[in-house]
Amino acid sequence: MTLQRRDLLKGGALSLAATLSQRLYSQASGSTPVIDAHIHLFDPTRPGGIPWPEKSDAILYKPALPDRFKRVTEGLGIRGAIAIECSPFEGDNDWLLSVAEKNPVIVGVIGDLVPGSPSFGKSLDRLSKNQLFRGIRYGNLWNRNLSAALDKPGFIDGLKALAAAKLVLESANPDAELIAALVRTHDSVSDLQIVVDHLPHAVIPTDAAGKVEYRKNLERLAASPRVFIKLSEIPTSIDDKVPLDLDVYQPKLDELWSLFGEDRVIFGSDWPNSDSVADYAATFHLAQSYIATKSKAAQEKYFSHNSIVAYSWQPRLPDQPKL
């Protein structure tokens, strides 16, 4: 089934996706609670505004807060989420944590700090005292480049401090250069837990040599038990259409699954950024359709257990999972 996005948003297709997702949840997941390990929270009505999304974005520029998340996921078996930073402002770590603390559906926060910066050490010490703070994100956003940053004084020492605090480095928006930089990161700080996001949507080289190098670097990351990946940003626009047929995405998902295995693949929606492509129900339905082909144990790992291992988050509600 291939549908244009404007048709998706008319409601019929999305209602079908929601119904299918609810049915798949009961059939494939059973009583397995689902943790969405990649959502963003922001509020454009805050004094001073927000750095993202832009005011011109009619789809995204509205409050994305836990109550809205609970509404859009109702009936889908979602029991909690990890909120990923969407601001480079250091003070917004505290805003995100304050929102999370008031809303136990949020089981963890990935913040934004710059290793090697003058404030990094003090801020890391302070923020890491909060159990909800589970790490930082660094990659292809906010005009940053991990490959270049690794050569800057103090950056690797900052990553070592992150590892010592048992916190996670999460990447952002992968391409070949970022994947190569993550290999260097792992080689430099082998005890650092790394989570690679959005790999189904990665920008892959088109030339033969580049493809080979990209694959080799993925294999090197896959060889480490410290590296996890998210099957997030699965649906994509192709020629101004959004395919909702799993067959379109399955080859790439199979490749990633075969590399990293059932113990290190995590579910994430990228909500509400995902709304730019497909409704939450449709996004979740694709992920469910894929994982429904796996064993019950693999489904539990994908939907919740692997995120617990990766982030060491603690349940805050009775129906949130434990290992």
C-alpha atoms as a PDB file:
ATOM      1  CA  MET A   1       0.000   0.000   0.000  1.00  0.00           C
ATOM      2  CA  THR A   2       1.579   3.263  -1.150  1.00  0.00           C
ATOM      3  CA  LEU A   3      -0.068   6.471  -0.030  1.00  0.00           C
ATOM      4  CA  GLN A   4       0.704  10.148  -0.329  1.00  0.00           C
ATOM      5  CA  ARG A   5       1.190  11.878   2.991  1.00  0.00           C
ATOM      6  CA  ARG A   6      -1.790  14.169   2.463  1.00  0.00           C
ATOM      7  CA  ASP A   7      -3.932  11.059   1.995  1.00  0.00           C
ATOM      8  CA  LEU A   8      -2.507   9.527   5.165  1.00  0.00           C
ATOM      9  CA  LEU A   9      -3.561  12.522   7.178  1.00  0.00           C
ATOM     10  CA  LYS A  10      -7.151  12.349   5.962  1.00  0.00           C
ATOM     11  CA  GLY A  11      -7.826   9.756   8.608  1.00  0.00           C
ATOM     12  CA  GLY A  12      -8.934   6.567   6.890  1.00  0.00           C
ATOM     13  CA  ALA A  13      -5.506   5.085   6.355  1.00  0.00           C
ATOM     14  CA  LEU A  14      -4.379   6.204   9.764  1.00  0.00           C
ATOM     15  CA  SER A  15      -7.413   4.690  11.447  1.00  0.00           C
ATOM     16  CA  LEU A  16      -6.587   1.440   9.667  1.00  0.00           C
ATOM     17  CA  ALA A  17      -2.956   1.683  10.816  1.00  0.00           C
ATOM     18  CA  ALA A  18      -4.071   2.285  14.382  1.00  0.00           C
ATOM     19  CA  THR A  19      -6.421  -0.685  14.273  1.00  0.00           C
ATOM     20  CA  LEU A  20      -3.734  -2.915  12.775  1.00  0.00           C
ATOM     21  CA  SER A  21      -1.215  -1.707  15.368  1.00  0.00           C
ATOM     22  CA  GLN A  22      -3.585  -2.467  18.225  1.00  0.00           C
ATOM     23  CA  ARG A  23      -4.280  -5.913  16.759  1.00  0.00           C
ATOM     24  CA  LEU A  24      -0.576  -6.604  16.218  1.00  0.00           C
ATOM     25  CA  TYR A  25       0.188  -5.435  19.736  1.00  0.00           C
ATOM     26  CA  SER A  26      -2.241  -7.945  21.198  1.00  0.00           C
ATOM     27  CA  GLN A  27      -1.104 -10.732  18.863  1.00  0.00           C
ATOM     28  CA  ALA A  28       2.651 -10.174  18.574  1.00  0.00           C
ATOM     29  CA  SER A  29       3.498  -8.407  21.795  1.00  0.00           C
ATOM     30  CA  GLY A  30       0.867  -9.908  24.048  1.00  0.00           C
ATOM     31  CA  SER A  31       1.338  -8.371  27.463  1.00  0.00           C
ATOM     32  CA  THR A  32       4.786  -7.050  26.595  1.00  0.00           C
ATOM     33  CA  PRO A  33       4.938  -3.344  27.461  1.00  0.00           C
ATOM     34  CA  VAL A  34       6.553  -1.086  24.874  1.00  0.00           C
ATOM     35  CA  ILE A  35       9.097   1.634  25.598  1.00  0.00           C
ATOM     36  CA  ASP A  36       9.563   4.215  22.873  1.00  0.00           C
ATOM     37  CA  ALA A  37      13.259   4.989  23.174  1.00  0.00           C
ATOM     38  CA  HIS A  38      13.222   8.049  20.925  1.00  0.00           C
ATOM     39  CA  ILE A  39      10.796  10.922  21.338  1.00  0.00           C
ATOM     40  CA  HIS A  40      11.305  14.673  21.533  1.00  0.00           C
ATOM     41  CA  LEU A  41       9.659  17.074  23.953  1.00  0.00           C
ATOM     42  CA  PHE A  42       9.411  20.823  23.413  1.00  0.00           C
ATOM     43  CA  ASP A  43       7.074  23.747  24.003  1.00  0.00           C
ATOM     44  CA  PRO A  44       7.032  26.695  21.572  1.00  0.00           C
ATOM     45  CA  THR A  45       5.007  28.725  24.103  1.00  0.00           C
ATOM     46  CA  ARG A  46       7.945  28.861  26.532  1.00  0.00           C
ATOM     47  CA  PRO A  47       9.384  32.318  27.203  1.00  0.00           C
ATOM     48  CA  GLY A  48      12.250  32.851  24.771  1.00  0.00           C
ATOM     49  CA  GLY A  49      10.963  30.246  22.329  1.00  0.00           C
ATOM     50  CA  ILE A  50      12.757  27.109  21.174  1.00  0.00           C
ATOM     51  CA  PRO A  51      15.600  26.410  18.722  1.00  0.00           C
ATOM     52  CA  TRP A  52      13.655  23.646  16.975  1.00  0.00           C
ATOM     53  CA  PRO A  53      11.260  23.177  15.232  1.00  0.00           C
ATOM     54  CA  GLU A  54      11.001  26.400  13.276  1.00  0.00           C
ATOM     55  CA  LYS A  55       7.912  28.571  13.432  1.00  0.00           C
ATOM     56  CA  SER A  56       7.348  27.966   9.726  1.00  0.00           C
ATOM     57  CA  ASP A  57       6.846  24.225  10.317  1.00  0.00           C
ATOM     58  CA  ALA A  58       3.060  23.919  10.402  1.00  0.00           C
ATOM     59  CA  ILE A  59       3.196  20.233  11.350  1.00  0.00           C
ATOM     60  CA  LEU A  60       5.690  20.320  14.205  1.00  0.00           C
ATOM     61  CA  TYR A  61       5.510  23.826  15.657  1.00  0.00           C
ATOM     62  CA  LYS A  62       3.130  23.120  18.542  1.00  0.00           C
ATOM     63  CA  PRO A  63       3.672  21.790  22.050  1.00  0.00           C
ATOM     64  CA  ALA A  64       4.970  18.226  22.166  1.00  0.00           C
ATOM     65  CA  LEU A  65       4.620  17.255  25.797  1.00  0.00           C
ATOM     66  CA  PRO A  66       3.954  14.005  27.693  1.00  0.00           C
ATOM     67  CA  ASP A  67       0.160  14.377  27.831  1.00  0.00           C
ATOM     68  CA  ARG A  68       0.009  14.681  24.045  1.00  0.00           C
ATOM     69  CA  PHE A  69       2.336  11.701  23.680  1.00  0.00           C
ATOM     70  CA  LYS A  70       0.019   9.623  25.841  1.00  0.00           C
ATOM     71  CA  ARG A  71      -2.948  10.628  23.698  1.00  0.00           C
ATOM     72  CA  VAL A  72      -1.363   9.718  20.362  1.00  0.00           C
ATOM     73  CA  THR A  73      -0.160   6.355  21.706  1.00  0.00           C
ATOM     74  CA  GLU A  74      -3.390   5.355  23.439  1.00  0.00           C
ATOM     75  CA  GLY A  75      -4.283   1.737  22.829  1.00  0.00           C
ATOM     76  CA  LEU A  76      -0.916   0.834  21.319  1.00  0.00           C
ATOM     77  CA  GLY A  77       0.684  -0.659  24.412  1.00  0.00           C
ATOM     78  CA  ILE A  78       3.218   2.141  24.896  1.00  0.00           C
ATOM     79  CA  ARG A  79       4.153   2.264  28.581  1.00  0.00           C
ATOM     80  CA  GLY A  80       6.991   4.769  28.607  1.00  0.00           C
ATOM     81  CA  ALA A  81       9.499   6.754  26.594  1.00  0.00           C
ATOM     82  CA  ILE A  82      12.988   8.180  26.576  1.00  0.00           C
ATOM     83  CA  ALA A  83      13.107  11.879  25.718  1.00  0.00           C
ATOM     84  CA  ILE A  84      15.974  12.875  23.446  1.00  0.00           C
ATOM     85  CA  GLU A  85      17.288  16.442  23.474  1.00  0.00           C
ATOM     86  CA  CYS A  86      16.195  18.797  20.717  1.00  0.00           C
ATOM     87  CA  SER A  87      18.039  21.892  21.886  1.00  0.00           C
ATOM     88  CA  PRO A  88      21.738  22.829  22.065  1.00  0.00           C
ATOM     89  CA  PHE A  89      21.140  25.181  25.012  1.00  0.00           C
ATOM     90  CA  GLU A  90      22.717  23.795  28.173  1.00  0.00           C
ATOM     91  CA  GLY A  91      19.937  25.174  30.351  1.00  0.00           C
ATOM     92  CA  ASP A  92      17.384  23.130  28.445  1.00  0.00           C
ATOM     93  CA  ASN A  93      18.761  19.987  30.084  1.00  0.00           C
ATOM     94  CA  ASP A  94      17.102  21.225  33.248  1.00  0.00           C
ATOM     95  CA  TRP A  95      13.856  22.079  31.463  1.00  0.00           C
ATOM     96  CA  LEU A  96      13.674  18.601  29.928  1.00  0.00           C
ATOM     97  CA  LEU A  97      14.441  16.942  33.251  1.00  0.00           C
ATOM     98  CA  SER A  98      11.808  19.043  35.014  1.00  0.00           C
ATOM     99  CA  VAL A  99       9.177  17.935  32.502  1.00  0.00           C
ATOM    100  CA  ALA A 100      10.282  14.312  32.851  1.00  0.00           C
ATOM    101  CA  GLU A 101      10.227  14.419  36.638  1.00  0.00           C
ATOM    102  CA  LYS A 102       6.573  15.486  36.611  1.00  0.00           C
ATOM    103  CA  ASN A 103       5.581  12.812  34.112  1.00  0.00           C
ATOM    104  CA  PRO A 104       6.505   9.217  35.035  1.00  0.00           C
ATOM    105  CA  VAL A 105       5.735   8.026  31.497  1.00  0.00           C
ATOM    106  CA  ILE A 106       9.213   9.442  30.747  1.00  0.00           C
ATOM    107  CA  VAL A 107      11.746   6.910  32.024  1.00  0.00           C
ATOM    108  CA  GLY A 108      14.903   8.671  30.865  1.00  0.00           C
ATOM    109  CA  VAL A 109      16.393  11.767  29.279  1.00  0.00           C
ATOM    110  CA  ILE A 110      19.275  12.107  26.833  1.00  0.00           C
ATOM    111  CA  GLY A 111      20.579  15.645  27.203  1.00  0.00           C
ATOM    112  CA  ASP A 112      22.943  17.963  25.411  1.00  0.00           C
ATOM    113  CA  LEU A 113      26.438  18.723  26.685  1.00  0.00           C
ATOM    114  CA  VAL A 114      29.634  19.314  24.727  1.00  0.00           C
ATOM    115  CA  PRO A 115      32.562  17.201  25.954  1.00  0.00           C
ATOM    116  CA  GLY A 116      35.675  19.309  26.411  1.00  0.00           C
ATOM    117  CA  SER A 117      33.755  22.550  26.873  1.00  0.00           C
ATOM    118  CA  PRO A 118      34.568  24.645  29.973  1.00  0.00           C
ATOM    119  CA  SER A 119      31.257  23.772  31.658  1.00  0.00           C
ATOM    120  CA  PHE A 120      31.175  20.090  30.721  1.00  0.00           C
ATOM    121  CA  GLY A 121      32.687  18.518  33.826  1.00  0.00           C
ATOM    122  CA  LYS A 122      30.690  20.522  36.346  1.00  0.00           C
ATOM    123  CA  SER A 123      27.448  20.101  34.408  1.00  0.00           C
ATOM    124  CA  LEU A 124      27.988  16.370  33.964  1.00  0.00           C
ATOM    125  CA  ASP A 125      28.624  15.938  37.687  1.00  0.00           C
ATOM    126  CA  ARG A 126      25.441  17.826  38.534  1.00  0.00           C
ATOM    127  CA  LEU A 127      23.131  16.289  35.962  1.00  0.00           C
ATOM    128  CA  SER A 128      24.358  12.730  36.481  1.00  0.00           C
ATOM    129  CA  LYS A 129      23.051  12.854  40.038  1.00  0.00           C
ATOM    130  CA  ASN A 130      19.565  12.735  38.566  1.00  0.00           C
ATOM    131  CA  GLN A 131      18.624   9.105  37.767  1.00  0.00           C
ATOM    132  CA  LEU A 132      16.530  10.282  34.815  1.00  0.00           C
ATOM    133  CA  PHE A 133      19.585  11.753  33.086  1.00  0.00           C
ATOM    134  CA  ARG A 134      20.941   8.869  31.013  1.00  0.00           C
ATOM    135  CA  GLY A 135      23.492  10.478  28.707  1.00  0.00           C
ATOM    136  CA  ILE A 136      24.143  13.002  25.965  1.00  0.00           C
ATOM    137  CA  ARG A 137      23.689  13.243  22.209  1.00  0.00           C
ATOM    138  CA  TYR A 138      26.349  14.280  19.730  1.00  0.00           C
ATOM    139  CA  GLY A 139      26.434  13.976  15.960  1.00  0.00           C
ATOM    140  CA  ASN A 140      25.096  15.592  12.818  1.00  0.00           C
ATOM    141  CA  LEU A 141      23.016  18.345  14.339  1.00  0.00           C
ATOM    142  CA  TRP A 142      23.570  21.830  15.810  1.00  0.00           C
ATOM    143  CA  ASN A 143      26.403  22.294  13.276  1.00  0.00           C
ATOM    144  CA  ARG A 144      28.508  19.668  15.048  1.00  0.00           C
ATOM    145  CA  ASN A 145      30.766  17.017  13.601  1.00  0.00           C
ATOM    146  CA  LEU A 146      31.882  14.105  15.767  1.00  0.00           C
ATOM    147  CA  SER A 147      34.792  13.281  13.477  1.00  0.00           C
ATOM    148  CA  ALA A 148      36.273  16.756  13.937  1.00  0.00           C
ATOM    149  CA  ALA A 149      35.368  16.930  17.625  1.00  0.00           C
ATOM    150  CA  LEU A 150      37.372  13.792  18.446  1.00  0.00           C
ATOM    151  CA  ASP A 151      40.559  15.718  17.630  1.00  0.00           C
ATOM    152  CA  LYS A 152      39.721  18.664  19.887  1.00  0.00           C
ATOM    153  CA  PRO A 153      41.512  18.984  23.247  1.00  0.00           C
ATOM    154  CA  GLY A 154      39.487  17.538  26.090  1.00  0.00           C
ATOM    155  CA  PHE A 155      36.778  15.901  23.980  1.00  0.00           C
ATOM    156  CA  ILE A 156      37.869  12.296  24.486  1.00  0.00           C
ATOM    157  CA  ASP A 157      38.553  12.990  28.165  1.00  0.00           C
ATOM    158  CA  GLY A 158      34.961  14.197  28.376  1.00  0.00           C
ATOM    159  CA  LEU A 159      33.759  10.954  26.810  1.00  0.00           C
ATOM    160  CA  LYS A 160      35.828   9.018  29.345  1.00  0.00           C
ATOM    161  CA  ALA A 161      34.089  10.963  32.113  1.00  0.00           C
ATOM    162  CA  LEU A 162      30.752  10.096  30.520  1.00  0.00           C
ATOM    163  CA  ALA A 163      31.691   6.411  30.529  1.00  0.00           C
ATOM    164  CA  ALA A 164      32.890   6.606  34.132  1.00  0.00           C
ATOM    165  CA  ALA A 165      29.496   8.020  35.085  1.00  0.00           C
ATOM    166  CA  LYS A 166      27.895   5.011  33.334  1.00  0.00           C
ATOM    167  CA  LEU A 167      26.081   7.265  30.908  1.00  0.00           C
ATOM    168  CA  VAL A 168      25.390   6.881  27.202  1.00  0.00           C
ATOM    169  CA  LEU A 169      26.675   8.636  24.105  1.00  0.00           C
ATOM    170  CA  GLU A 170      23.838   8.797  21.598  1.00  0.00           C
ATOM    171  CA  SER A 171      24.596   9.683  17.998  1.00  0.00           C
ATOM    172  CA  ALA A 172      22.477  11.833  15.698  1.00  0.00           C
ATOM    173  CA  ASN A 173      21.494  11.508  12.027  1.00  0.00           C
ATOM    174  CA  PRO A 174      23.973   8.927  10.726  1.00  0.00           C
ATOM    175  CA  ASP A 175      26.017   9.030   7.558  1.00  0.00           C
ATOM    176  CA  ALA A 176      29.269   7.322   6.569  1.00  0.00           C
ATOM    177  CA  GLU A 177      31.475   9.912   8.276  1.00  0.00           C
ATOM    178  CA  LEU A 178      29.540   9.693  11.539  1.00  0.00           C
ATOM    179  CA  ILE A 179      29.641   5.886  11.541  1.00  0.00           C
ATOM    180  CA  ALA A 180      33.415   6.018  10.999  1.00  0.00           C
ATOM    181  CA  ALA A 181      33.694   8.533  13.833  1.00  0.00           C
ATOM    182  CA  LEU A 182      31.727   6.240  16.130  1.00  0.00           C
ATOM    183  CA  VAL A 183      34.243   3.484  15.392  1.00  0.00           C
ATOM    184  CA  ARG A 184      37.031   5.882  16.426  1.00  0.00           C
ATOM    185  CA  THR A 185      35.019   6.816  19.516  1.00  0.00           C
ATOM    186  CA  HIS A 186      34.634   3.194  20.552  1.00  0.00           C
ATOM    187  CA  ASP A 187      38.308   2.493  19.932  1.00  0.00           C
ATOM    188  CA  SER A 188      39.273   5.478  22.108  1.00  0.00           C
ATOM    189  CA  VAL A 189      36.784   4.840  24.928  1.00  0.00           C
ATOM    190  CA  SER A 190      36.004   1.138  24.811  1.00  0.00           C
ATOM    191  CA  ASP A 191      33.854   1.137  27.956  1.00  0.00           C
ATOM    192  CA  LEU A 192      31.518   3.866  26.673  1.00  0.00           C
ATOM    193  CA  GLN A 193      27.968   2.757  25.919  1.00  0.00           C
ATOM    194  CA  ILE A 194      26.962   4.001  22.445  1.00  0.00           C
ATOM    195  CA  VAL A 195      23.477   4.155  20.930  1.00  0.00           C
ATOM    196  CA  VAL A 196      23.233   4.792  17.181  1.00  0.00           C
ATOM    197  CA  ASP A 197      19.924   6.306  16.154  1.00  0.00           C
ATOM    198  CA  HIS A 198      17.967   6.336  12.876  1.00  0.00           C
ATOM    199  CA  LEU A 199      20.109   3.751  11.053  1.00  0.00           C
ATOM    200  CA  PRO A 200      17.251   2.744   8.716  1.00  0.00           C
ATOM    201  CA  HIS A 201      17.366   6.348   7.473  1.00  0.00           C
ATOM    202  CA  ALA A 202      21.161   6.666   7.269  1.00  0.00           C
ATOM    203  CA  VAL A 203      22.754   8.404   4.305  1.00  0.00           C
ATOM    204  CA  ILE A 204      24.763   5.594   2.668  1.00  0.00           C
ATOM    205  CA  PRO A 205      27.509   6.215   0.090  1.00  0.00           C
ATOM    206  CA  THR A 206      26.559   5.502  -3.497  1.00  0.00           C
ATOM    207  CA  ASP A 207      30.040   4.631  -4.743  1.00  0.00           C
ATOM    208  CA  ALA A 208      31.287   1.055  -4.414  1.00  0.00           C
ATOM    209  CA  ALA A 209      34.320   1.846  -2.253  1.00  0.00           C
ATOM    210  CA  GLY A 210      32.268   4.026   0.053  1.00  0.00           C
ATOM    211  CA  LYS A 211      29.648   1.323   0.486  1.00  0.00           C
ATOM    212  CA  VAL A 212      32.303  -1.238   1.378  1.00  0.00           C
ATOM    213  CA  GLU A 213      33.886   1.075   3.949  1.00  0.00           C
ATOM    214  CA  TYR A 214      30.496   1.925   5.438  1.00  0.00           C
ATOM    215  CA  ARG A 215      29.651  -1.763   5.796  1.00  0.00           C
ATOM    216  CA  LYS A 216      33.011  -2.540   7.397  1.00  0.00           C
ATOM    217  CA  ASN A 217      32.510   0.218   9.953  1.00  0.00           C
ATOM    218  CA  LEU A 218      29.025  -1.054  10.789  1.00  0.00           C
ATOM    219  CA  GLU A 219      30.506  -4.515  11.264  1.00  0.00           C
ATOM    220  CA  ARG A 220      33.143  -3.122  13.626  1.00  0.00           C
ATOM    221  CA  LEU A 221      30.448  -1.423  15.690  1.00  0.00           C
ATOM    222  CA  ALA A 222      28.328  -4.563  15.622  1.00  0.00           C
ATOM    223  CA  ALA A 223      31.237  -6.561  17.044  1.00  0.00           C
ATOM    224  CA  SER A 224      31.064  -4.597  20.313  1.00  0.00           C
ATOM    225  CA  PRO A 225      28.510  -5.438  23.026  1.00  0.00           C
ATOM    226  CA  ARG A 226      28.685  -1.751  24.016  1.00  0.00           C
ATOM    227  CA  VAL A 227      27.013  -0.523  20.813  1.00  0.00           C
ATOM    228  CA  PHE A 228      23.242  -0.523  20.375  1.00  0.00           C
ATOM    229  CA  ILE A 229      21.157   0.715  17.451  1.00  0.00           C
ATOM    230  CA  LYS A 230      17.637   2.058  17.041  1.00  0.00           C
ATOM    231  CA  LEU A 231      15.298   1.003  14.286  1.00  0.00           C
ATOM    232  CA  SER A 232      13.926   4.539  14.272  1.00  0.00           C
ATOM    233  CA  GLU A 233      12.906   6.741  11.339  1.00  0.00           C
ATOM    234  CA  ILE A 234      11.721   3.679   9.417  1.00  0.00           C
ATOM    235  CA  PRO A 235       9.030   5.238   7.184  1.00  0.00           C
ATOM    236  CA  THR A 236      10.355   7.596   4.560  1.00  0.00           C
ATOM    237  CA  SER A 237       9.081   9.686   1.691  1.00  0.00           C
ATOM    238  CA  ILE A 238       9.890   8.249  -1.745  1.00  0.00           C
ATOM    239  CA  ASP A 239       9.006  10.417  -4.730  1.00  0.00           C
ATOM    240  CA  ASP A 240       6.656  12.444  -2.508  1.00  0.00           C
ATOM    241  CA  LYS A 241       4.873   9.286  -1.363  1.00  0.00           C
ATOM    242  CA  VAL A 242       5.084   7.383   1.914  1.00  0.00           C
ATOM    243  CA  PRO A 243       5.016   3.597   1.424  1.00  0.00           C
ATOM    244  CA  LEU A 244       3.422   1.737   4.320  1.00  0.00           C
ATOM    245  CA  ASP A 245       4.234  -1.708   2.969  1.00  0.00           C
ATOM    246  CA  LEU A 246       6.839  -3.497   5.094  1.00  0.00           C
ATOM    247  CA  ASP A 247       8.342  -5.035   1.949  1.00  0.00           C
ATOM    248  CA  VAL A 248       9.767  -1.609   1.046  1.00  0.00           C
ATOM    249  CA  TYR A 249      11.797  -1.428   4.250  1.00  0.00           C
ATOM    250  CA  GLN A 250      12.427  -5.072   5.136  1.00  0.00           C
ATOM    251  CA  PRO A 251      15.743  -5.584   3.254  1.00  0.00           C
ATOM    252  CA  LYS A 252      17.415  -2.722   5.104  1.00  0.00           C
ATOM    253  CA  LEU A 253      15.907  -3.753   8.445  1.00  0.00           C
ATOM    254  CA  ASP A 254      17.006  -7.349   7.891  1.00  0.00           C
ATOM    255  CA  GLU A 255      20.548  -6.211   7.166  1.00  0.00           C
ATOM    256  CA  LEU A 256      20.750  -4.206  10.395  1.00  0.00           C
ATOM    257  CA  TRP A 257      19.149  -7.003  12.402  1.00  0.00           C
ATOM    258  CA  SER A 258      21.593  -9.558  11.013  1.00  0.00           C
ATOM    259  CA  LEU A 259      24.516  -7.316  11.973  1.00  0.00           C
ATOM    260  CA  PHE A 260      23.536  -6.305  15.503  1.00  0.00           C
ATOM    261  CA  GLY A 261      21.292  -9.177  16.528  1.00  0.00           C
ATOM    262  CA  GLU A 262      18.267  -9.292  18.776  1.00  0.00           C
ATOM    263  CA  ASP A 263      20.180  -8.196  21.897  1.00  0.00           C
ATOM    264  CA  ARG A 264      21.162  -4.740  20.633  1.00  0.00           C
ATOM    265  CA  VAL A 265      18.297  -3.412  18.521  1.00  0.00           C
ATOM    266  CA  ILE A 266      15.890  -0.909  20.098  1.00  0.00           C
ATOM    267  CA  PHE A 267      12.513   0.531  19.113  1.00  0.00           C
ATOM    268  CA  GLY A 268      12.146   4.288  18.670  1.00  0.00           C
ATOM    269  CA  SER A 269       9.530   6.356  16.843  1.00  0.00           C
ATOM    270  CA  ASP A 270      11.189   9.791  16.567  1.00  0.00           C
ATOM    271  CA  TRP A 271       7.854  11.364  17.575  1.00  0.00           C
ATOM    272  CA  PRO A 272       6.767  14.068  16.870  1.00  0.00           C
ATOM    273  CA  ASN A 273       9.404  14.567  14.167  1.00  0.00           C
ATOM    274  CA  SER A 274       7.982  11.415  12.598  1.00  0.00           C
ATOM    275  CA  ASP A 275       4.690  13.244  12.034  1.00  0.00           C
ATOM    276  CA  SER A 276       6.379  14.965   9.104  1.00  0.00           C
ATOM    277  CA  VAL A 277       6.262  11.606   7.339  1.00  0.00           C
ATOM    278  CA  ALA A 278       3.551   9.461   8.929  1.00  0.00           C
ATOM    279  CA  ASP A 279       1.200   9.375  11.882  1.00  0.00           C
ATOM    280  CA  TYR A 280       2.400   7.620  15.053  1.00  0.00           C
ATOM    281  CA  ALA A 281       0.088   4.661  14.468  1.00  0.00           C
ATOM    282  CA  ALA A 282       1.460   4.116  10.974  1.00  0.00           C
ATOM    283  CA  THR A 283       5.066   4.477  12.173  1.00  0.00           C
ATOM    284  CA  PHE A 284       4.461   2.034  15.003  1.00  0.00           C
ATOM    285  CA  HIS A 285       2.599  -0.383  12.743  1.00  0.00           C
ATOM    286  CA  LEU A 286       5.630  -0.721  10.458  1.00  0.00           C
ATOM    287  CA  ALA A 287       7.883  -1.491  13.419  1.00  0.00           C
ATOM    288  CA  GLN A 288       5.362  -3.967  14.795  1.00  0.00           C
ATOM    289  CA  SER A 289       4.924  -5.659  11.441  1.00  0.00           C
ATOM    290  CA  TYR A 290       8.648  -6.241  11.303  1.00  0.00           C
ATOM    291  CA  ILE A 291       9.156  -7.470  14.844  1.00  0.00           C
ATOM    292  CA  ALA A 292       6.110  -9.762  14.576  1.00  0.00           C
ATOM    293  CA  THR A 293       8.282 -12.032  12.414  1.00  0.00           C
ATOM    294  CA  LYS A 294      10.669 -12.587  15.335  1.00  0.00           C
ATOM    295  CA  SER A 295      10.472 -14.758  18.430  1.00  0.00           C
ATOM    296  CA  LYS A 296       8.617 -13.693  21.567  1.00  0.00           C
ATOM    297  CA  ALA A 297      11.947 -13.167  23.336  1.00  0.00           C
ATOM    298  CA  ALA A 298      13.219 -10.975  20.496  1.00  0.00           C
ATOM    299  CA  GLN A 299      10.033  -8.901  20.605  1.00  0.00           C
ATOM    300  CA  GLU A 300      10.476  -8.272  24.327  1.00  0.00           C
ATOM    301  CA  LYS A 301      14.087  -7.258  23.813  1.00  0.00           C
ATOM    302  CA  TYR A 302      13.263  -4.913  20.964  1.00  0.00           C
ATOM    303  CA  PHE A 303      10.287  -3.267  22.641  1.00  0.00           C
ATOM    304  CA  SER A 304      11.794  -2.748  26.092  1.00  0.00           C
ATOM    305  CA  HIS A 305      14.536  -4.959  27.478  1.00  0.00           C
ATOM    306  CA  ASN A 306      17.342  -3.776  25.197  1.00  0.00           C
ATOM    307  CA  SER A 307      16.643  -0.168  26.088  1.00  0.00           C
ATOM    308  CA  ILE A 308      16.943  -1.054  29.774  1.00  0.00           C
ATOM    309  CA  VAL A 309      20.349  -2.637  29.124  1.00  0.00           C
ATOM    310  CA  ALA A 310      21.508   0.267  26.951  1.00  0.00           C
ATOM    311  CA  TYR A 311      20.342   3.159  29.127  1.00  0.00           C
ATOM    312  CA  SER A 312      20.001   1.575  32.599  1.00  0.00           C
ATOM    313  CA  TRP A 313      16.690   3.351  33.123  1.00  0.00           C
ATOM    314  CA  GLN A 314      14.471   2.471  36.058  1.00  0.00           C
ATOM    315  CA  PRO A 315      10.682   1.915  35.878  1.00  0.00           C
ATOM    316  CA  ARG A 316       8.547   4.674  37.360  1.00  0.00           C
ATOM    317  CA  LEU A 317       5.105   3.123  36.875  1.00  0.00           C
ATOM    318  CA  PRO A 318       3.833  -0.351  37.832  1.00  0.00           C
ATOM    319  CA  ASP A 319       3.219  -1.375  34.221  1.00  0.00           C
ATOM    320  CA  GLN A 320       6.673  -0.400  33.004  1.00  0.00           C
ATOM    321  CA  PRO A 321       8.974  -3.380  32.390  1.00  0.00           C
ATOM    322  CA  LYS A 322      11.896  -4.693  34.383  1.00  0.00           C
ATOM    323  CA  LEU A 323      14.614  -7.143  33.403  1.00  0.00           C
END
